[in-house]
Amino acid sequence: MTIVEQVFAPVYGKPCWYVREGHGSMLTMEFGAPHLEVREPYPSQSSSAELRAMARRRAVHPRGEWHLWVYLGAWHYFMHGRKVGDWFTKGRMRRALRSIDGQALSKVHVAPTDGRSVLEFDLGGRLEIEHIRYRNDAAGEFNELWHLYQPDGRVFSMRGDGRYAHAPGDSNPDEAIWMQLPP
């Protein structure tokens, strides 16, 4: 069993819920029993007045036992082989999110060469996530495609070069140890 299969095995068969769009190509979805995540207000030194105001507020969000965050990956969503939506426009994004919501995850495959990921769902849905080219690619720096937050507090992260990190969620991301997926 691969590391990806080990990490996702407890999620298989669980319907996703609270599928939401984020900034740019970002999207999130929850799996498993819900709970509330509370972020208390904190002091912010941001130059942005909006960010300082957000930091002064308490944020409460429903979360599942597993929280999947598609971070800097280009994604496309298919239903029974037909493209339903993608990350390019809000309309196409929302159409895809409505279709994903409620489907149970049945399989995840990640390509070891470039991290290209395919999530299959029980009702015929397929979410494909791939690397978005950035200027830092030439320097050998690849962004994270997605993160899976687990009930034990660990986070499994996949990058666009086929490398993954699996570490406690409160660890410093700059100190992550990135390992190559085996072929």
N, C-alpha and C. Protein backbone atom coordinates (compact mmCIF):
# COMPACT_ATOMS: atom_id res chain seq x y z
N MET A 1 0.86 -1.18 0.00
CA MET A 1 0.00 0.00 0.00
C MET A 1 0.90 1.24 0.00
N THR A 2 0.64 2.18 -0.90
CA THR A 2 1.44 3.40 -0.98
C THR A 2 1.10 4.34 0.17
N ILE A 3 1.96 5.33 0.40
CA ILE A 3 1.71 6.32 1.44
C ILE A 3 0.40 7.06 1.18
N VAL A 4 0.10 7.36 -0.07
CA VAL A 4 -1.15 8.05 -0.42
C VAL A 4 -2.34 7.17 -0.06
N GLU A 5 -2.27 5.89 -0.40
CA GLU A 5 -3.37 4.97 -0.07
C GLU A 5 -3.54 4.84 1.44
N GLN A 6 -2.44 4.80 2.18
CA GLN A 6 -2.51 4.70 3.63
C GLN A 6 -3.20 5.91 4.24
N VAL A 7 -2.82 7.09 3.75
CA VAL A 7 -3.37 8.33 4.31
C VAL A 7 -4.86 8.48 3.98
N PHE A 8 -5.25 8.11 2.76
CA PHE A 8 -6.64 8.30 2.35
C PHE A 8 -7.56 7.13 2.70
N ALA A 9 -7.02 5.96 3.03
CA ALA A 9 -7.86 4.78 3.30
C ALA A 9 -8.99 5.06 4.29
N PRO A 10 -8.75 5.76 5.41
CA PRO A 10 -9.86 6.00 6.34
C PRO A 10 -10.92 6.98 5.82
N VAL A 11 -10.59 7.69 4.74
CA VAL A 11 -11.53 8.67 4.18
C VAL A 11 -12.45 8.00 3.15
N TYR A 12 -11.98 6.92 2.53
CA TYR A 12 -12.78 6.24 1.50
C TYR A 12 -14.15 5.84 2.06
N GLY A 13 -15.17 6.10 1.24
CA GLY A 13 -16.54 5.77 1.62
C GLY A 13 -17.24 6.87 2.39
N LYS A 14 -16.52 7.91 2.78
CA LYS A 14 -17.13 9.02 3.51
C LYS A 14 -17.54 10.12 2.53
N PRO A 15 -18.80 10.55 2.61
CA PRO A 15 -19.23 11.63 1.71
C PRO A 15 -18.56 12.96 2.09
N CYS A 16 -18.24 13.74 1.07
CA CYS A 16 -17.70 15.07 1.35
C CYS A 16 -18.88 16.03 1.55
N TRP A 17 -18.62 17.06 2.30
CA TRP A 17 -19.65 18.05 2.59
C TRP A 17 -18.97 19.41 2.78
N TYR A 18 -19.78 20.45 2.73
CA TYR A 18 -19.32 21.83 2.89
C TYR A 18 -18.18 22.12 1.91
N VAL A 19 -18.42 21.77 0.65
CA VAL A 19 -17.46 22.01 -0.42
C VAL A 19 -17.53 23.49 -0.78
N ARG A 20 -16.38 24.18 -0.64
CA ARG A 20 -16.39 25.63 -0.81
C ARG A 20 -15.25 26.11 -1.70
N GLU A 21 -15.50 27.23 -2.36
CA GLU A 21 -14.46 27.88 -3.15
C GLU A 21 -13.64 28.77 -2.24
N GLY A 22 -12.41 28.98 -2.64
CA GLY A 22 -11.53 29.89 -1.93
C GLY A 22 -11.02 30.95 -2.89
N HIS A 23 -9.87 31.48 -2.59
CA HIS A 23 -9.25 32.50 -3.43
C HIS A 23 -8.59 31.82 -4.63
N GLY A 24 -8.76 32.36 -5.82
CA GLY A 24 -8.14 31.80 -7.01
C GLY A 24 -8.62 30.39 -7.29
N SER A 25 -7.68 29.45 -7.37
CA SER A 25 -8.04 28.07 -7.67
C SER A 25 -8.36 27.25 -6.43
N MET A 26 -8.27 27.86 -5.26
CA MET A 26 -8.43 27.11 -4.01
C MET A 26 -9.86 26.62 -3.81
N LEU A 27 -9.96 25.41 -3.25
CA LEU A 27 -11.24 24.89 -2.81
C LEU A 27 -11.01 23.98 -1.62
N THR A 28 -12.04 23.83 -0.80
CA THR A 28 -11.95 22.97 0.37
C THR A 28 -13.17 22.06 0.43
N MET A 29 -12.98 20.93 1.08
CA MET A 29 -14.09 20.01 1.34
C MET A 29 -13.81 19.26 2.62
N GLU A 30 -14.89 18.86 3.27
CA GLU A 30 -14.82 18.18 4.56
C GLU A 30 -15.27 16.73 4.40
N PHE A 31 -14.71 15.86 5.25
CA PHE A 31 -15.08 14.45 5.30
C PHE A 31 -15.20 14.04 6.76
N GLY A 32 -16.15 13.16 7.07
CA GLY A 32 -16.27 12.65 8.43
C GLY A 32 -17.12 13.54 9.31
N ALA A 33 -17.13 13.20 10.60
CA ALA A 33 -17.99 13.88 11.58
C ALA A 33 -17.61 15.35 11.70
N PRO A 34 -18.63 16.22 11.79
CA PRO A 34 -18.34 17.66 11.90
C PRO A 34 -17.99 18.08 13.33
N HIS A 35 -17.22 19.15 13.40
CA HIS A 35 -16.93 19.84 14.66
C HIS A 35 -16.68 21.31 14.32
N LEU A 36 -16.67 22.15 15.32
CA LEU A 36 -16.39 23.57 15.08
C LEU A 36 -14.92 23.86 15.34
N GLU A 37 -14.31 24.58 14.42
CA GLU A 37 -12.94 25.04 14.59
C GLU A 37 -13.02 26.52 14.94
N VAL A 38 -12.41 26.89 16.05
CA VAL A 38 -12.47 28.27 16.52
C VAL A 38 -11.06 28.86 16.50
N ARG A 39 -10.92 29.98 15.80
CA ARG A 39 -9.67 30.73 15.82
C ARG A 39 -9.91 32.01 16.59
N GLU A 40 -9.18 32.15 17.69
CA GLU A 40 -9.35 33.32 18.54
C GLU A 40 -8.70 34.54 17.91
N PRO A 41 -9.13 35.74 18.30
CA PRO A 41 -8.50 36.95 17.79
C PRO A 41 -7.00 36.97 18.16
N TYR A 42 -6.21 37.63 17.33
CA TYR A 42 -4.77 37.70 17.58
C TYR A 42 -4.24 39.04 17.07
N PRO A 43 -3.12 39.50 17.62
CA PRO A 43 -2.54 40.77 17.14
C PRO A 43 -1.90 40.55 15.77
N SER A 44 -2.10 41.49 14.89
CA SER A 44 -1.53 41.40 13.55
C SER A 44 -0.71 42.66 13.25
N GLN A 45 0.43 42.45 12.64
CA GLN A 45 1.28 43.56 12.22
C GLN A 45 1.16 43.82 10.72
N SER A 46 0.12 43.26 10.09
CA SER A 46 -0.06 43.39 8.65
C SER A 46 -0.19 44.86 8.24
N SER A 47 0.29 45.17 7.06
CA SER A 47 0.12 46.52 6.53
C SER A 47 -1.30 46.73 6.00
N SER A 48 -2.06 45.64 5.87
CA SER A 48 -3.43 45.71 5.36
C SER A 48 -4.42 45.93 6.51
N ALA A 49 -5.19 47.01 6.42
CA ALA A 49 -6.20 47.30 7.44
C ALA A 49 -7.25 46.19 7.49
N GLU A 50 -7.57 45.64 6.31
CA GLU A 50 -8.57 44.56 6.25
C GLU A 50 -8.06 43.32 6.99
N LEU A 51 -6.81 42.96 6.79
CA LEU A 51 -6.24 41.79 7.48
C LEU A 51 -6.13 42.03 8.99
N ARG A 52 -5.77 43.24 9.40
CA ARG A 52 -5.72 43.56 10.84
C ARG A 52 -7.11 43.45 11.47
N ALA A 53 -8.13 43.93 10.74
CA ALA A 53 -9.51 43.83 11.25
C ALA A 53 -9.96 42.38 11.35
N MET A 54 -9.61 41.55 10.36
CA MET A 54 -9.97 40.12 10.40
C MET A 54 -9.30 39.44 11.60
N ALA A 55 -8.06 39.81 11.89
CA ALA A 55 -7.32 39.20 13.00
C ALA A 55 -7.95 39.54 14.34
N ARG A 56 -8.64 40.67 14.44
CA ARG A 56 -9.27 41.07 15.69
C ARG A 56 -10.59 40.33 15.95
N ARG A 57 -11.08 39.62 14.94
CA ARG A 57 -12.35 38.89 15.08
C ARG A 57 -12.10 37.42 15.37
N ARG A 58 -13.03 36.81 16.07
CA ARG A 58 -13.01 35.36 16.28
C ARG A 58 -13.62 34.72 15.03
N ALA A 59 -13.00 33.68 14.54
CA ALA A 59 -13.51 32.97 13.37
C ALA A 59 -13.95 31.57 13.78
N VAL A 60 -15.16 31.20 13.40
CA VAL A 60 -15.70 29.88 13.72
C VAL A 60 -16.14 29.22 12.42
N HIS A 61 -15.64 28.02 12.16
CA HIS A 61 -15.95 27.31 10.92
C HIS A 61 -16.26 25.85 11.22
N PRO A 62 -17.25 25.28 10.54
CA PRO A 62 -17.44 23.83 10.66
C PRO A 62 -16.34 23.10 9.92
N ARG A 63 -15.83 22.05 10.52
CA ARG A 63 -14.77 21.24 9.92
C ARG A 63 -15.14 19.77 10.08
N GLY A 64 -14.64 18.96 9.16
CA GLY A 64 -14.80 17.53 9.27
C GLY A 64 -13.58 16.92 9.94
N GLU A 65 -13.65 15.63 10.22
CA GLU A 65 -12.49 14.95 10.79
C GLU A 65 -11.30 15.08 9.83
N TRP A 66 -11.59 15.06 8.53
CA TRP A 66 -10.59 15.27 7.49
C TRP A 66 -10.99 16.50 6.71
N HIS A 67 -10.03 17.34 6.44
CA HIS A 67 -10.25 18.60 5.72
C HIS A 67 -9.28 18.62 4.55
N LEU A 68 -9.81 18.62 3.33
CA LEU A 68 -8.98 18.66 2.13
C LEU A 68 -8.98 20.07 1.57
N TRP A 69 -7.78 20.62 1.41
CA TRP A 69 -7.62 21.97 0.88
C TRP A 69 -6.83 21.89 -0.42
N VAL A 70 -7.50 22.10 -1.54
CA VAL A 70 -6.80 22.22 -2.81
C VAL A 70 -6.22 23.63 -2.82
N TYR A 71 -4.91 23.70 -2.78
CA TYR A 71 -4.23 24.96 -2.50
C TYR A 71 -3.80 25.67 -3.78
N LEU A 72 -2.70 25.31 -4.37
CA LEU A 72 -2.22 25.97 -5.57
C LEU A 72 -2.19 25.01 -6.75
N GLY A 73 -3.26 24.26 -6.91
CA GLY A 73 -3.36 23.33 -8.02
C GLY A 73 -4.44 23.76 -8.99
N ALA A 74 -4.16 23.58 -10.26
CA ALA A 74 -5.19 23.79 -11.29
C ALA A 74 -6.07 22.54 -11.24
N TRP A 75 -7.38 22.71 -11.18
CA TRP A 75 -8.24 21.54 -11.10
C TRP A 75 -9.37 21.60 -12.12
N HIS A 76 -9.79 20.38 -12.49
CA HIS A 76 -10.89 20.18 -13.43
C HIS A 76 -11.76 19.08 -12.85
N TYR A 77 -13.06 19.24 -12.99
CA TYR A 77 -13.98 18.25 -12.43
C TYR A 77 -14.84 17.64 -13.54
N PHE A 78 -14.95 16.32 -13.51
CA PHE A 78 -15.70 15.56 -14.50
C PHE A 78 -16.77 14.73 -13.79
N MET A 79 -17.92 14.59 -14.44
CA MET A 79 -18.98 13.72 -13.94
C MET A 79 -19.31 12.74 -15.05
N HIS A 80 -19.12 11.45 -14.79
CA HIS A 80 -19.33 10.39 -15.79
C HIS A 80 -18.55 10.70 -17.07
N GLY A 81 -17.31 11.20 -16.92
CA GLY A 81 -16.44 11.45 -18.05
C GLY A 81 -16.66 12.78 -18.76
N ARG A 82 -17.68 13.53 -18.39
CA ARG A 82 -17.98 14.81 -19.02
C ARG A 82 -17.54 15.95 -18.11
N LYS A 83 -16.81 16.91 -18.65
CA LYS A 83 -16.34 18.02 -17.84
C LYS A 83 -17.51 18.87 -17.37
N VAL A 84 -17.55 19.08 -16.05
CA VAL A 84 -18.63 19.85 -15.44
C VAL A 84 -18.15 21.25 -15.04
N GLY A 85 -16.90 21.36 -14.61
CA GLY A 85 -16.41 22.65 -14.16
C GLY A 85 -14.92 22.60 -13.88
N ASP A 86 -14.38 23.80 -13.54
CA ASP A 86 -12.96 23.92 -13.26
C ASP A 86 -12.72 25.19 -12.45
N TRP A 87 -11.46 25.51 -12.28
CA TRP A 87 -11.05 26.63 -11.45
C TRP A 87 -10.99 27.97 -12.19
N PHE A 88 -11.25 28.01 -13.48
CA PHE A 88 -11.05 29.22 -14.28
C PHE A 88 -12.01 30.36 -13.96
N THR A 89 -13.28 30.07 -13.80
CA THR A 89 -14.24 31.14 -13.52
C THR A 89 -15.13 30.73 -12.36
N LYS A 90 -15.67 31.71 -11.66
CA LYS A 90 -16.53 31.44 -10.50
C LYS A 90 -17.73 30.59 -10.89
N GLY A 91 -18.33 30.86 -12.05
CA GLY A 91 -19.50 30.09 -12.47
C GLY A 91 -19.18 28.62 -12.66
N ARG A 92 -18.09 28.34 -13.38
CA ARG A 92 -17.71 26.94 -13.62
C ARG A 92 -17.25 26.28 -12.32
N MET A 93 -16.62 27.07 -11.44
CA MET A 93 -16.18 26.54 -10.16
C MET A 93 -17.39 26.15 -9.32
N ARG A 94 -18.36 27.02 -9.21
CA ARG A 94 -19.55 26.74 -8.39
C ARG A 94 -20.35 25.56 -8.92
N ARG A 95 -20.43 25.42 -10.23
CA ARG A 95 -21.13 24.28 -10.84
C ARG A 95 -20.45 22.97 -10.42
N ALA A 96 -19.13 22.95 -10.44
CA ALA A 96 -18.39 21.76 -10.03
C ALA A 96 -18.58 21.47 -8.54
N LEU A 97 -18.51 22.50 -7.71
CA LEU A 97 -18.63 22.30 -6.27
C LEU A 97 -19.99 21.73 -5.89
N ARG A 98 -21.04 22.20 -6.55
CA ARG A 98 -22.39 21.65 -6.28
C ARG A 98 -22.43 20.16 -6.63
N SER A 99 -21.76 19.77 -7.68
CA SER A 99 -21.76 18.37 -8.11
C SER A 99 -20.92 17.49 -7.19
N ILE A 100 -19.82 18.01 -6.68
CA ILE A 100 -18.94 17.24 -5.79
C ILE A 100 -19.61 17.01 -4.44
N ASP A 101 -20.27 18.03 -3.92
CA ASP A 101 -20.85 17.99 -2.57
C ASP A 101 -21.75 16.76 -2.39
N GLY A 102 -21.46 15.96 -1.37
CA GLY A 102 -22.27 14.79 -1.05
C GLY A 102 -21.74 13.49 -1.62
N GLN A 103 -20.79 13.56 -2.55
CA GLN A 103 -20.23 12.33 -3.10
C GLN A 103 -19.20 11.76 -2.12
N ALA A 104 -19.11 10.44 -2.07
CA ALA A 104 -18.14 9.78 -1.20
C ALA A 104 -16.86 9.51 -1.97
N LEU A 105 -15.74 9.78 -1.34
CA LEU A 105 -14.45 9.53 -1.95
C LEU A 105 -14.23 8.02 -2.06
N SER A 106 -13.83 7.55 -3.25
CA SER A 106 -13.63 6.12 -3.44
C SER A 106 -12.20 5.74 -3.80
N LYS A 107 -11.41 6.67 -4.36
CA LYS A 107 -10.04 6.35 -4.74
C LYS A 107 -9.26 7.63 -4.98
N VAL A 108 -7.96 7.59 -4.63
CA VAL A 108 -7.06 8.71 -4.91
C VAL A 108 -5.80 8.14 -5.55
N HIS A 109 -5.40 8.75 -6.65
CA HIS A 109 -4.15 8.35 -7.32
C HIS A 109 -3.31 9.60 -7.51
N VAL A 110 -2.00 9.48 -7.20
CA VAL A 110 -1.08 10.60 -7.36
C VAL A 110 0.11 10.13 -8.19
N ALA A 111 0.42 10.86 -9.26
CA ALA A 111 1.56 10.54 -10.12
C ALA A 111 2.86 10.94 -9.41
N PRO A 112 3.80 10.00 -9.30
CA PRO A 112 5.05 10.30 -8.58
C PRO A 112 5.96 11.30 -9.29
N THR A 113 5.78 11.52 -10.57
CA THR A 113 6.67 12.42 -11.29
C THR A 113 6.30 13.89 -11.13
N ASP A 114 5.00 14.19 -11.06
CA ASP A 114 4.59 15.59 -11.01
C ASP A 114 3.46 15.88 -10.02
N GLY A 115 3.09 14.90 -9.20
CA GLY A 115 2.06 15.13 -8.20
C GLY A 115 0.64 15.22 -8.75
N ARG A 116 0.49 15.07 -10.06
CA ARG A 116 -0.87 15.14 -10.64
C ARG A 116 -1.75 14.16 -9.90
N SER A 117 -2.87 14.65 -9.40
CA SER A 117 -3.72 13.86 -8.52
C SER A 117 -5.11 13.69 -9.11
N VAL A 118 -5.66 12.50 -8.94
CA VAL A 118 -7.02 12.21 -9.38
C VAL A 118 -7.79 11.66 -8.19
N LEU A 119 -8.88 12.33 -7.84
CA LEU A 119 -9.76 11.88 -6.78
C LEU A 119 -11.04 11.38 -7.43
N GLU A 120 -11.38 10.14 -7.17
CA GLU A 120 -12.59 9.55 -7.73
C GLU A 120 -13.65 9.44 -6.65
N PHE A 121 -14.90 9.67 -7.06
CA PHE A 121 -16.02 9.65 -6.14
C PHE A 121 -17.02 8.58 -6.55
N ASP A 122 -17.83 8.16 -5.59
CA ASP A 122 -18.72 7.01 -5.79
C ASP A 122 -19.86 7.23 -6.77
N LEU A 123 -20.25 8.47 -7.03
CA LEU A 123 -21.38 8.72 -7.92
C LEU A 123 -20.93 9.12 -9.32
N GLY A 124 -19.66 8.85 -9.64
CA GLY A 124 -19.18 9.11 -11.00
C GLY A 124 -18.36 10.37 -11.15
N GLY A 125 -18.06 11.06 -10.05
CA GLY A 125 -17.26 12.28 -10.12
C GLY A 125 -15.77 11.97 -10.13
N ARG A 126 -15.01 12.86 -10.77
CA ARG A 126 -13.55 12.74 -10.81
C ARG A 126 -12.95 14.14 -10.79
N LEU A 127 -12.16 14.40 -9.76
CA LEU A 127 -11.49 15.69 -9.61
C LEU A 127 -10.02 15.49 -9.96
N GLU A 128 -9.54 16.23 -10.96
CA GLU A 128 -8.14 16.14 -11.39
C GLU A 128 -7.43 17.42 -10.98
N ILE A 129 -6.29 17.27 -10.31
CA ILE A 129 -5.53 18.41 -9.80
C ILE A 129 -4.12 18.31 -10.36
N GLU A 130 -3.65 19.41 -10.95
CA GLU A 130 -2.29 19.41 -11.48
C GLU A 130 -1.58 20.70 -11.13
N HIS A 131 -0.30 20.69 -11.36
CA HIS A 131 0.57 21.81 -11.04
C HIS A 131 0.28 23.02 -11.93
N ILE A 132 0.25 24.18 -11.33
CA ILE A 132 0.16 25.45 -12.06
C ILE A 132 1.59 25.97 -12.17
N ARG A 133 2.01 26.31 -13.36
CA ARG A 133 3.38 26.80 -13.57
C ARG A 133 3.55 28.19 -12.95
N TYR A 134 4.61 28.33 -12.17
CA TYR A 134 4.96 29.60 -11.55
C TYR A 134 6.40 29.93 -11.88
N ARG A 135 6.78 31.18 -11.65
CA ARG A 135 8.15 31.60 -11.92
C ARG A 135 9.18 30.84 -11.09
N ASN A 136 8.81 30.40 -9.90
CA ASN A 136 9.79 29.73 -9.04
C ASN A 136 10.06 28.29 -9.47
N ASP A 137 9.34 27.76 -10.47
CA ASP A 137 9.59 26.40 -10.97
C ASP A 137 11.03 26.24 -11.46
N ALA A 138 11.54 27.23 -12.17
CA ALA A 138 12.88 27.15 -12.73
C ALA A 138 13.94 27.02 -11.63
N ALA A 139 13.65 27.56 -10.47
CA ALA A 139 14.58 27.48 -9.35
C ALA A 139 14.41 26.16 -8.58
N GLY A 140 13.51 25.29 -9.06
CA GLY A 140 13.29 24.02 -8.39
C GLY A 140 12.37 24.11 -7.19
N GLU A 141 11.64 25.21 -7.11
CA GLU A 141 10.70 25.39 -6.01
C GLU A 141 9.29 25.14 -6.55
N PHE A 142 8.61 24.17 -5.98
CA PHE A 142 7.26 23.85 -6.42
C PHE A 142 6.29 24.10 -5.27
N ASN A 143 5.14 24.65 -5.61
CA ASN A 143 4.11 24.92 -4.60
C ASN A 143 3.31 23.66 -4.30
N GLU A 144 2.65 23.70 -3.14
CA GLU A 144 1.79 22.60 -2.74
C GLU A 144 0.52 22.61 -3.59
N LEU A 145 0.15 21.43 -4.06
CA LEU A 145 -1.10 21.27 -4.80
C LEU A 145 -2.27 21.19 -3.84
N TRP A 146 -2.10 20.40 -2.79
CA TRP A 146 -3.17 20.21 -1.83
C TRP A 146 -2.62 19.74 -0.48
N HIS A 147 -3.49 19.88 0.55
CA HIS A 147 -3.17 19.45 1.91
C HIS A 147 -4.37 18.65 2.43
N LEU A 148 -4.10 17.53 3.09
CA LEU A 148 -5.15 16.77 3.77
C LEU A 148 -4.87 16.85 5.27
N TYR A 149 -5.76 17.54 5.99
CA TYR A 149 -5.66 17.67 7.45
C TYR A 149 -6.36 16.46 8.06
N GLN A 150 -5.66 15.75 8.93
CA GLN A 150 -6.14 14.49 9.48
C GLN A 150 -6.61 14.66 10.93
N PRO A 151 -7.45 13.72 11.42
CA PRO A 151 -7.96 13.83 12.80
C PRO A 151 -6.86 13.83 13.86
N ASP A 152 -5.72 13.20 13.59
CA ASP A 152 -4.63 13.14 14.58
C ASP A 152 -3.78 14.41 14.60
N GLY A 153 -4.16 15.42 13.80
CA GLY A 153 -3.44 16.69 13.79
C GLY A 153 -2.33 16.76 12.75
N ARG A 154 -2.07 15.66 12.06
CA ARG A 154 -1.04 15.67 11.02
C ARG A 154 -1.62 16.18 9.70
N VAL A 155 -0.74 16.67 8.85
CA VAL A 155 -1.14 17.18 7.54
C VAL A 155 -0.29 16.47 6.49
N PHE A 156 -0.98 15.91 5.49
CA PHE A 156 -0.30 15.30 4.35
C PHE A 156 -0.39 16.29 3.21
N SER A 157 0.77 16.73 2.69
CA SER A 157 0.81 17.76 1.64
C SER A 157 1.49 17.20 0.41
N MET A 158 0.97 17.56 -0.76
CA MET A 158 1.53 17.10 -2.04
C MET A 158 1.95 18.31 -2.86
N ARG A 159 3.17 18.24 -3.41
CA ARG A 159 3.69 19.32 -4.24
C ARG A 159 3.63 18.95 -5.72
N GLY A 160 3.82 19.94 -6.57
CA GLY A 160 3.76 19.77 -8.01
C GLY A 160 4.99 19.13 -8.63
N ASP A 161 5.90 18.61 -7.82
CA ASP A 161 7.05 17.86 -8.34
C ASP A 161 7.03 16.41 -7.87
N GLY A 162 5.87 15.96 -7.34
CA GLY A 162 5.75 14.58 -6.89
C GLY A 162 6.34 14.33 -5.51
N ARG A 163 6.63 15.39 -4.79
CA ARG A 163 7.15 15.25 -3.42
C ARG A 163 6.04 15.53 -2.42
N TYR A 164 6.12 14.84 -1.28
CA TYR A 164 5.11 15.00 -0.24
C TYR A 164 5.77 15.25 1.10
N ALA A 165 5.01 15.84 2.01
CA ALA A 165 5.42 16.01 3.40
C ALA A 165 4.26 15.49 4.25
N HIS A 166 4.60 14.90 5.37
CA HIS A 166 3.59 14.37 6.30
C HIS A 166 4.06 14.72 7.69
N ALA A 167 3.49 15.78 8.26
CA ALA A 167 4.01 16.33 9.50
C ALA A 167 2.88 16.85 10.39
N PRO A 168 3.16 17.09 11.66
CA PRO A 168 2.17 17.71 12.53
C PRO A 168 1.73 19.06 11.97
N GLY A 169 0.44 19.36 12.11
CA GLY A 169 -0.11 20.59 11.55
C GLY A 169 0.44 21.85 12.17
N ASP A 170 1.00 21.76 13.37
CA ASP A 170 1.54 22.96 14.02
C ASP A 170 3.04 23.13 13.78
N SER A 171 3.62 22.30 12.90
CA SER A 171 5.05 22.44 12.61
C SER A 171 5.28 23.58 11.62
N ASN A 172 6.49 24.08 11.58
CA ASN A 172 6.86 25.19 10.70
C ASN A 172 6.92 24.68 9.26
N PRO A 173 6.08 25.19 8.34
CA PRO A 173 6.09 24.71 6.96
C PRO A 173 7.43 24.90 6.26
N ASP A 174 8.20 25.91 6.67
CA ASP A 174 9.51 26.15 6.05
C ASP A 174 10.52 25.06 6.40
N GLU A 175 10.21 24.27 7.42
CA GLU A 175 11.12 23.19 7.83
C GLU A 175 10.62 21.82 7.39
N ALA A 176 9.63 21.79 6.52
CA ALA A 176 9.07 20.52 6.06
C ALA A 176 10.13 19.68 5.35
N ILE A 177 10.06 18.38 5.56
CA ILE A 177 10.93 17.44 4.86
C ILE A 177 10.12 16.85 3.72
N TRP A 178 10.52 17.17 2.48
CA TRP A 178 9.79 16.75 1.29
C TRP A 178 10.43 15.47 0.75
N MET A 179 9.62 14.42 0.64
CA MET A 179 10.10 13.13 0.15
C MET A 179 9.46 12.82 -1.20
N GLN A 180 10.20 12.14 -2.04
CA GLN A 180 9.71 11.76 -3.38
C GLN A 180 8.78 10.56 -3.25
N LEU A 181 7.63 10.62 -3.94
CA LEU A 181 6.77 9.45 -4.00
C LEU A 181 7.50 8.36 -4.78
N PRO A 182 7.40 7.13 -4.34
CA PRO A 182 8.05 6.05 -5.11
C PRO A 182 7.30 5.81 -6.42
N PRO A 183 8.04 5.35 -7.47
CA PRO A 183 7.39 5.11 -8.76
C PRO A 183 6.39 3.97 -8.72
